[in-house]
Amino acid sequence: MEKLVSSWCNGETLPESYIFPPETRPGNVTVPSCKTIPVIDLSKVEAKNRNHIIQQILKASEEFGFFQVVNHGIPENVMKESMDVFKEFFQMPEEEKAKFYSEDPKKASRLLTSSVNYDWEKVHLWRDNLRHPCYPLEECIKHWPEKPTRYREVVAKCSIESKKLALRILELISEGLGLESGYLGNKLSEALGIAVNHYPPCPDPSLTLGISKHCDPNLITILHQEDVSGLQVYKDGEWIGVEPLPNAIVVNIGNQLQIISNNKLKSAEHRVVTNSTVARTSAAFFIGPSDDCVIAPAKSLIDHACNPPLFRAFEYKEFAHAYFSNMGNNELALEPFKLKA
C-alpha cells in the first residue's frame, strides 16, 4: 500500500526509480496542439449521413488508430458521476484504499501502482491504477470496491453505456469494411474490463511517464478523460496531444481489430505524460474477445493474389499471453502471429 504514488509523493523530488532513460523520457518538448486526432459527431449517423460518418471512422482508424466522438449517446450525467466517483475513490483515506490494494497478479479486481510488472520492471510509471472486470456484470460487481458507497451503481451504468457505444462503433466499422452485420459482436467483443488511472502532480514531468508507449491488445477501447490533458498518440515519427473536449469520448483501435482487418486499420502507439500542477484521472473500458475466441483476418477481406492474410489464426488467450509476457512491447507481441511472406 505504501508503494502507491499518491501515498508518498510530496511534490519535491522525483525518485530515481521513476526516471526513464533519455531515449524514452518525454523531455521538455512541446507537443503540437494543432495536430489533433479527428472528432466525429455520431448524431449525424442518419440515413443520408451514415456512409459519410462510416468513412470518417475508417479514415481515422487507418491513419491515426484514434478518434474522438461527440453526441455519442452516453448521458452527460452518467459520465460526470462516474468521473466524480473515480476521483472520490482515490481521495479516500489510506485505510479505505488499503482494503482494495493487492499485489496478487491472479486477483482481477484490485488497486495497484505503476503496472502489474512492478516487482521486475526497470522503471516505474507515475500512476496508481484501479482495475476490475465488468462482464458478466452480475458476477463481477460483487468484487468491485464497496466505497465510495455509490461506486457500484454509478460504474455499472457507465460500463453498460460504454459497451453499448463500443458495439455501435464496431457495427459501423463492420459496415465500412464490408463485413456482415454483427461480425465484430458476440465472442469477439464479449469481454469488458476497466482501468482507472490516477496520475498525481509530478515533480518533474520531463523525466517520467504516466504510461509508457504501447498499443492496446484488445479489440477497441473507450476512454473517458475529462478536462486534463496527458494522452499522446504517436504518428509519423512525432507525438500528438489528444485535446480533452467537453463530453467527448476517445476511441482507439486495439491489436485485434488491426489483425481482423488484415492491417487495414491501425492500432496506434500511445502514452500518457504527467504534469506538475494538477492530478489527472481517466477511465478506459477495454472491449475484447473471450479467451477462447479464434482471431484471424476476416475471410471476406482476403484475396490470396492481391491481399493475402498477414496473420495466422489463434485463440485470444495466446495473444494476451504473448503481449503481457513481452510487457506490452507491440512488435514482439505481434511477431509470433505474423505469416511470413
Protein backbone atom coordinates (compact mmCIF):
# COMPACT_ATOMS: atom_id res chain seq x y z
CA MET A 1 0.00 0.00 0.00
CA GLU A 2 2.89 2.36 0.77
CA LYS A 3 4.03 1.88 -2.85
CA LEU A 4 1.06 3.89 -4.19
CA VAL A 5 2.37 7.11 -5.70
CA SER A 6 -0.49 9.03 -4.09
CA SER A 7 0.54 7.71 -0.67
CA TRP A 8 4.05 9.18 -0.59
CA CYS A 9 4.57 11.79 -3.33
CA ASN A 10 5.31 15.19 -1.82
CA GLY A 11 5.99 17.20 -4.96
CA GLU A 12 9.64 17.86 -4.08
CA THR A 13 11.86 15.33 -5.85
CA LEU A 14 11.36 12.54 -8.36
CA PRO A 15 12.76 9.22 -7.06
CA GLU A 16 15.44 7.57 -9.19
CA SER A 17 13.20 4.53 -9.81
CA TYR A 18 10.76 6.74 -11.76
CA ILE A 19 13.31 8.37 -14.08
CA PHE A 20 13.10 6.98 -17.62
CA PRO A 21 16.16 6.52 -19.88
CA PRO A 22 16.90 9.60 -22.03
CA GLU A 23 15.60 7.92 -25.21
CA THR A 24 12.12 7.22 -23.75
CA ARG A 25 11.54 10.13 -21.38
CA PRO A 26 9.23 12.87 -22.73
CA GLY A 27 11.66 15.76 -22.11
CA ASN A 28 10.58 19.38 -22.32
CA VAL A 29 9.42 19.17 -25.93
CA THR A 30 6.13 20.96 -26.54
CA VAL A 31 3.72 18.55 -28.23
CA PRO A 32 1.86 20.23 -31.11
CA SER A 33 -1.69 21.11 -30.13
CA CYS A 34 -2.80 21.97 -33.66
CA LYS A 35 -2.45 18.38 -34.87
CA THR A 36 -5.28 16.75 -33.01
CA ILE A 37 -6.94 13.45 -33.81
CA PRO A 38 -10.25 13.51 -35.73
CA VAL A 39 -13.50 14.40 -33.93
CA ILE A 40 -16.61 12.60 -35.23
CA ASP A 41 -20.20 13.64 -34.50
CA LEU A 42 -22.23 10.44 -34.08
CA SER A 43 -25.55 12.31 -34.05
CA LYS A 44 -25.14 12.52 -37.83
CA VAL A 45 -25.38 8.74 -38.32
CA GLU A 46 -28.74 9.07 -40.04
CA ALA A 47 -29.78 7.60 -43.37
CA LYS A 48 -28.26 10.37 -45.50
CA ASN A 49 -25.08 10.89 -43.48
CA ARG A 50 -24.43 7.32 -42.41
CA ASN A 51 -21.91 6.46 -45.10
CA HIS A 52 -20.08 9.77 -44.60
CA ILE A 53 -19.67 9.08 -40.86
CA ILE A 54 -18.56 5.50 -41.55
CA GLN A 55 -15.90 6.78 -43.93
CA GLN A 56 -14.74 9.30 -41.31
CA ILE A 57 -14.37 6.49 -38.75
CA LEU A 58 -12.48 4.26 -41.21
CA LYS A 59 -10.16 7.09 -42.27
CA ALA A 60 -9.37 7.96 -38.65
CA SER A 61 -8.84 4.27 -37.82
CA GLU A 62 -6.49 3.81 -40.78
CA GLU A 63 -4.46 6.99 -40.32
CA PHE A 64 -4.44 7.58 -36.56
CA GLY A 65 -5.86 4.47 -34.85
CA PHE A 66 -7.59 7.03 -32.62
CA PHE A 67 -10.55 9.40 -32.84
CA GLN A 68 -12.90 11.27 -30.53
CA VAL A 69 -16.68 11.03 -30.69
CA VAL A 70 -19.23 13.63 -29.61
CA ASN A 71 -23.02 13.27 -29.37
CA HIS A 72 -22.29 9.60 -28.75
CA GLY A 73 -25.31 8.70 -26.64
CA ILE A 74 -23.69 8.26 -23.21
CA PRO A 75 -25.69 10.61 -20.96
CA GLU A 76 -23.68 13.54 -19.66
CA ASN A 77 -24.74 12.86 -16.05
CA VAL A 78 -23.50 9.24 -16.30
CA MET A 79 -20.08 10.45 -17.48
CA LYS A 80 -19.84 13.14 -14.78
CA GLU A 81 -20.99 10.90 -11.92
CA SER A 82 -18.54 8.20 -12.96
CA MET A 83 -15.55 10.54 -13.09
CA ASP A 84 -16.61 12.04 -9.76
CA VAL A 85 -16.77 8.62 -8.09
CA PHE A 86 -13.40 7.56 -9.56
CA LYS A 87 -11.79 10.70 -8.11
CA GLU A 88 -13.56 10.11 -4.78
CA PHE A 89 -12.05 6.62 -4.68
CA PHE A 90 -8.51 7.94 -4.97
CA GLN A 91 -9.23 10.69 -2.43
CA MET A 92 -10.41 8.22 0.23
CA PRO A 93 -8.32 7.73 3.39
CA GLU A 94 -5.40 5.32 3.05
CA GLU A 95 -7.07 2.69 5.27
CA GLU A 96 -10.08 2.53 2.92
CA LYS A 97 -7.98 2.20 -0.23
CA ALA A 98 -5.85 -0.43 1.52
CA LYS A 99 -8.86 -2.78 1.55
CA PHE A 100 -8.72 -2.98 -2.26
CA TYR A 101 -4.94 -2.82 -2.71
CA SER A 102 -3.29 -6.08 -3.77
CA GLU A 103 -0.02 -7.26 -5.29
CA ASP A 104 -1.52 -10.64 -6.22
CA PRO A 105 -1.38 -10.91 -10.04
CA LYS A 106 -4.16 -13.52 -10.01
CA LYS A 107 -6.59 -11.06 -8.46
CA ALA A 108 -8.62 -9.50 -11.30
CA SER A 109 -10.17 -6.74 -9.17
CA ARG A 110 -7.59 -4.67 -7.34
CA LEU A 111 -5.78 -1.39 -6.75
CA LEU A 112 -2.11 -1.33 -7.72
CA THR A 113 0.62 1.13 -8.63
CA SER A 114 2.69 1.57 -11.79
CA SER A 115 1.88 -1.75 -13.54
CA VAL A 116 1.33 -5.44 -12.93
CA ASN A 117 5.08 -5.80 -13.54
CA TYR A 118 6.05 -3.56 -10.59
CA ASP A 119 8.45 -6.06 -8.99
CA TRP A 120 10.56 -6.65 -12.09
CA GLU A 121 10.15 -3.55 -14.28
CA LYS A 122 13.24 -1.38 -14.71
CA VAL A 123 11.40 1.94 -14.24
CA HIS A 124 8.09 2.62 -12.50
CA LEU A 125 5.19 4.53 -14.01
CA TRP A 126 3.89 7.65 -12.27
CA ARG A 127 0.36 6.35 -11.70
CA ASP A 128 -1.94 4.42 -9.40
CA ASN A 129 -4.31 2.03 -11.13
CA LEU A 130 -7.70 0.61 -10.17
CA ARG A 131 -8.84 -2.27 -12.36
CA HIS A 132 -11.61 -4.82 -12.47
CA PRO A 133 -13.65 -6.84 -14.98
CA CYS A 134 -17.15 -5.61 -15.87
CA TYR A 135 -18.57 -8.71 -17.60
CA PRO A 136 -20.63 -10.63 -16.66
CA LEU A 137 -21.85 -7.67 -14.60
CA GLU A 138 -23.95 -9.61 -12.10
CA GLU A 139 -20.93 -11.69 -11.09
CA CYS A 140 -18.18 -9.06 -11.36
CA ILE A 141 -19.93 -6.32 -9.41
CA LYS A 142 -19.62 -8.35 -6.19
CA HIS A 143 -15.85 -7.86 -6.36
CA TRP A 144 -15.86 -4.11 -7.03
CA PRO A 145 -14.99 -1.51 -4.38
CA GLU A 146 -17.71 -1.09 -1.75
CA LYS A 147 -16.67 2.51 -1.16
CA PRO A 148 -17.48 5.17 -2.20
CA THR A 149 -20.95 3.79 -1.45
CA ARG A 150 -22.35 4.68 -4.87
CA TYR A 151 -19.36 3.26 -6.77
CA ARG A 152 -21.05 0.05 -7.88
CA GLU A 153 -24.30 1.64 -9.00
CA VAL A 154 -22.64 4.50 -10.90
CA VAL A 155 -19.87 2.46 -12.57
CA ALA A 156 -22.32 -0.29 -13.58
CA LYS A 157 -24.33 2.30 -15.53
CA CYS A 158 -21.18 3.71 -17.13
CA SER A 159 -19.89 0.27 -18.13
CA ILE A 160 -23.21 -0.63 -19.79
CA GLU A 161 -23.29 2.66 -21.71
CA SER A 162 -19.62 2.40 -22.74
CA LYS A 163 -20.09 -1.14 -24.04
CA LYS A 164 -23.21 -0.04 -25.93
CA LEU A 165 -21.21 2.76 -27.59
CA ALA A 166 -18.37 0.39 -28.46
CA LEU A 167 -20.76 -2.08 -30.13
CA ARG A 168 -22.36 0.75 -32.09
CA ILE A 169 -18.95 1.90 -33.38
CA LEU A 170 -17.91 -1.69 -34.14
CA GLU A 171 -21.07 -2.14 -36.22
CA LEU A 172 -20.23 0.99 -38.23
CA ILE A 173 -16.67 -0.30 -38.74
CA SER A 174 -18.04 -3.70 -39.87
CA GLU A 175 -20.28 -1.98 -42.37
CA GLY A 176 -17.41 0.18 -43.65
CA LEU A 177 -15.13 -2.84 -44.10
CA GLY A 178 -17.87 -4.73 -45.93
CA LEU A 179 -18.24 -7.35 -43.20
CA GLU A 180 -21.61 -8.86 -42.36
CA SER A 181 -23.71 -7.18 -39.68
CA GLY A 182 -22.71 -8.33 -36.20
CA TYR A 183 -19.33 -9.69 -37.37
CA LEU A 184 -17.49 -7.86 -34.57
CA GLY A 185 -20.11 -8.77 -31.96
CA ASN A 186 -20.67 -11.88 -29.83
CA LYS A 187 -17.45 -13.57 -28.65
CA LEU A 188 -15.20 -11.08 -30.46
CA SER A 189 -16.42 -8.28 -28.18
CA GLU A 190 -17.66 -10.26 -25.19
CA ALA A 191 -15.06 -9.28 -22.56
CA LEU A 192 -15.24 -5.92 -20.80
CA GLY A 193 -12.82 -4.54 -18.23
CA ILE A 194 -11.97 -1.16 -16.79
CA ALA A 195 -8.71 0.51 -15.82
CA VAL A 196 -8.98 3.76 -13.86
CA ASN A 197 -5.66 5.60 -13.90
CA HIS A 198 -4.80 8.29 -11.37
CA TYR A 199 -1.76 10.46 -12.05
CA PRO A 200 -0.83 12.73 -9.10
CA PRO A 201 1.03 16.00 -9.80
CA CYS A 202 4.63 15.11 -10.65
CA PRO A 203 7.79 16.97 -9.51
CA ASP A 204 9.44 16.66 -12.95
CA PRO A 205 7.17 15.58 -15.84
CA SER A 206 10.10 15.77 -18.29
CA LEU A 207 11.76 12.70 -16.74
CA THR A 208 8.92 10.22 -16.25
CA LEU A 209 5.72 8.85 -17.79
CA GLY A 210 2.25 8.01 -16.54
CA ILE A 211 2.04 5.20 -19.09
CA SER A 212 4.86 4.28 -21.46
CA LYS A 213 4.47 3.78 -25.21
CA HIS A 214 2.20 0.84 -26.06
CA CYS A 215 -0.72 -0.40 -28.15
CA ASP A 216 -3.86 -1.89 -26.61
CA PRO A 217 -4.05 -5.69 -27.06
CA ASN A 218 -7.86 -5.87 -27.09
CA LEU A 219 -10.43 -5.08 -29.83
CA ILE A 220 -11.41 -1.46 -29.10
CA THR A 221 -11.05 0.94 -26.15
CA ILE A 222 -13.50 3.58 -24.90
CA LEU A 223 -11.73 6.27 -22.85
CA HIS A 224 -13.26 8.85 -20.53
CA GLN A 225 -10.58 11.50 -19.94
CA GLU A 226 -12.28 14.67 -18.58
CA ASP A 227 -10.52 18.04 -18.91
CA VAL A 228 -6.83 17.45 -18.02
CA SER A 229 -4.55 16.66 -20.96
CA GLY A 230 -1.84 13.99 -20.93
CA LEU A 231 -2.73 11.39 -23.57
CA GLN A 232 -0.45 11.43 -26.63
CA VAL A 233 -0.59 9.41 -29.86
CA TYR A 234 2.47 8.53 -31.96
CA LYS A 235 2.05 9.33 -35.67
CA ASP A 236 4.59 9.82 -38.43
CA GLY A 237 7.52 9.96 -36.04
CA GLU A 238 6.07 12.51 -33.60
CA TRP A 239 3.80 12.70 -30.60
CA ILE A 240 0.38 14.34 -30.95
CA GLY A 241 -1.54 15.53 -27.89
CA VAL A 242 -5.17 14.41 -27.61
CA GLU A 243 -7.01 17.55 -26.62
CA PRO A 244 -9.70 16.96 -23.96
CA LEU A 245 -13.08 18.09 -25.33
CA PRO A 246 -16.23 18.59 -23.21
CA ASN A 247 -18.30 15.38 -23.04
CA ALA A 248 -16.22 13.69 -25.76
CA ILE A 249 -15.12 10.05 -25.67
CA VAL A 250 -11.75 8.92 -27.03
CA VAL A 251 -11.87 5.71 -29.09
CA ASN A 252 -8.80 3.71 -30.01
CA ILE A 253 -8.32 0.67 -32.20
CA GLY A 254 -6.82 -2.38 -30.49
CA ASN A 255 -4.49 -5.04 -31.87
CA GLN A 256 -7.34 -7.46 -32.59
CA LEU A 257 -9.12 -5.02 -34.93
CA GLN A 258 -5.84 -4.46 -36.74
CA ILE A 259 -5.46 -8.22 -37.21
CA ILE A 260 -9.11 -8.85 -38.23
CA SER A 261 -8.86 -6.02 -40.80
CA ASN A 262 -5.58 -7.53 -42.08
CA ASN A 263 -3.67 -4.33 -41.24
CA LYS A 264 -6.20 -2.00 -42.90
CA LEU A 265 -6.98 -0.44 -39.51
CA LYS A 266 -4.16 0.68 -37.23
CA SER A 267 -3.57 0.04 -33.56
CA ALA A 268 -1.58 3.15 -32.71
CA GLU A 269 1.11 3.52 -30.09
CA HIS A 270 0.21 5.95 -27.34
CA ARG A 271 1.48 7.11 -23.96
CA VAL A 272 0.50 9.38 -21.06
CA VAL A 273 2.63 12.26 -19.81
CA THR A 274 2.25 13.83 -16.39
CA ASN A 275 2.07 17.45 -15.24
CA SER A 276 3.33 19.30 -12.17
CA THR A 277 0.19 21.16 -11.15
CA VAL A 278 -2.97 19.03 -11.15
CA ALA A 279 -3.90 15.38 -10.76
CA ARG A 280 -5.37 13.62 -13.79
CA THR A 281 -7.86 10.75 -13.61
CA SER A 282 -9.05 8.78 -16.63
CA ALA A 283 -11.10 5.62 -17.14
CA ALA A 284 -10.57 3.18 -20.01
CA PHE A 285 -13.10 0.49 -20.85
CA PHE A 286 -11.42 -2.34 -22.76
CA ILE A 287 -13.71 -4.34 -25.05
CA GLY A 288 -12.15 -7.56 -26.25
CA PRO A 289 -12.65 -11.19 -27.23
CA SER A 290 -13.32 -14.07 -24.85
CA ASP A 291 -10.19 -16.09 -24.08
CA ASP A 292 -11.18 -18.98 -26.37
CA CYS A 293 -12.33 -16.79 -29.28
CA VAL A 294 -10.45 -17.55 -32.50
CA ILE A 295 -8.97 -14.43 -34.13
CA ALA A 296 -7.91 -14.24 -37.79
CA PRO A 297 -8.11 -11.81 -40.69
CA ALA A 298 -11.72 -11.71 -41.92
CA LYS A 299 -12.05 -14.07 -44.89
CA SER A 300 -14.07 -11.58 -46.91
CA LEU A 301 -11.13 -9.13 -46.75
CA ILE A 302 -8.62 -11.69 -48.00
CA ASP A 303 -7.58 -12.13 -51.60
CA HIS A 304 -4.66 -14.53 -51.83
CA ALA A 305 -3.40 -12.85 -55.00
CA CYS A 306 -3.79 -9.17 -54.07
CA ASN A 307 -4.34 -9.08 -50.30
CA PRO A 308 -3.03 -12.29 -48.69
CA PRO A 309 -3.55 -12.89 -44.97
CA LEU A 310 -0.82 -11.26 -42.87
CA PHE A 311 -1.63 -13.10 -39.63
CA ARG A 312 -2.35 -16.71 -38.70
CA ALA A 313 -5.42 -17.78 -36.72
CA PHE A 314 -5.05 -18.03 -32.92
CA GLU A 315 -7.06 -18.06 -29.71
CA TYR A 316 -7.12 -14.68 -27.98
CA LYS A 317 -5.63 -16.08 -24.77
CA GLU A 318 -2.49 -17.00 -26.77
CA PHE A 319 -2.12 -13.39 -27.91
CA ALA A 320 -2.80 -11.99 -24.43
CA HIS A 321 -0.06 -14.24 -23.03
CA ALA A 322 2.43 -13.08 -25.69
CA TYR A 323 1.51 -9.42 -25.10
CA PHE A 324 1.90 -9.47 -21.33
CA SER A 325 4.98 -11.73 -21.46
CA ASN A 326 6.63 -9.04 -23.58
CA MET A 327 5.48 -6.32 -21.16
CA GLY A 328 3.35 -4.63 -23.82
CA ASN A 329 6.07 -4.40 -26.48
CA ASN A 330 3.87 -4.30 -29.58
CA GLU A 331 6.36 -5.58 -32.17
CA LEU A 332 7.41 -8.53 -30.02
CA ALA A 333 3.78 -9.38 -29.19
CA LEU A 334 2.64 -9.38 -32.84
CA GLU A 335 5.66 -11.24 -34.25
CA PRO A 336 4.59 -14.84 -33.41
CA PHE A 337 1.26 -14.31 -35.21
CA LYS A 338 2.57 -12.82 -38.47
CA LEU A 339 2.63 -15.04 -41.55
CA LYS A 340 5.95 -14.98 -43.36
CA ALA A 341 5.87 -13.83 -46.98
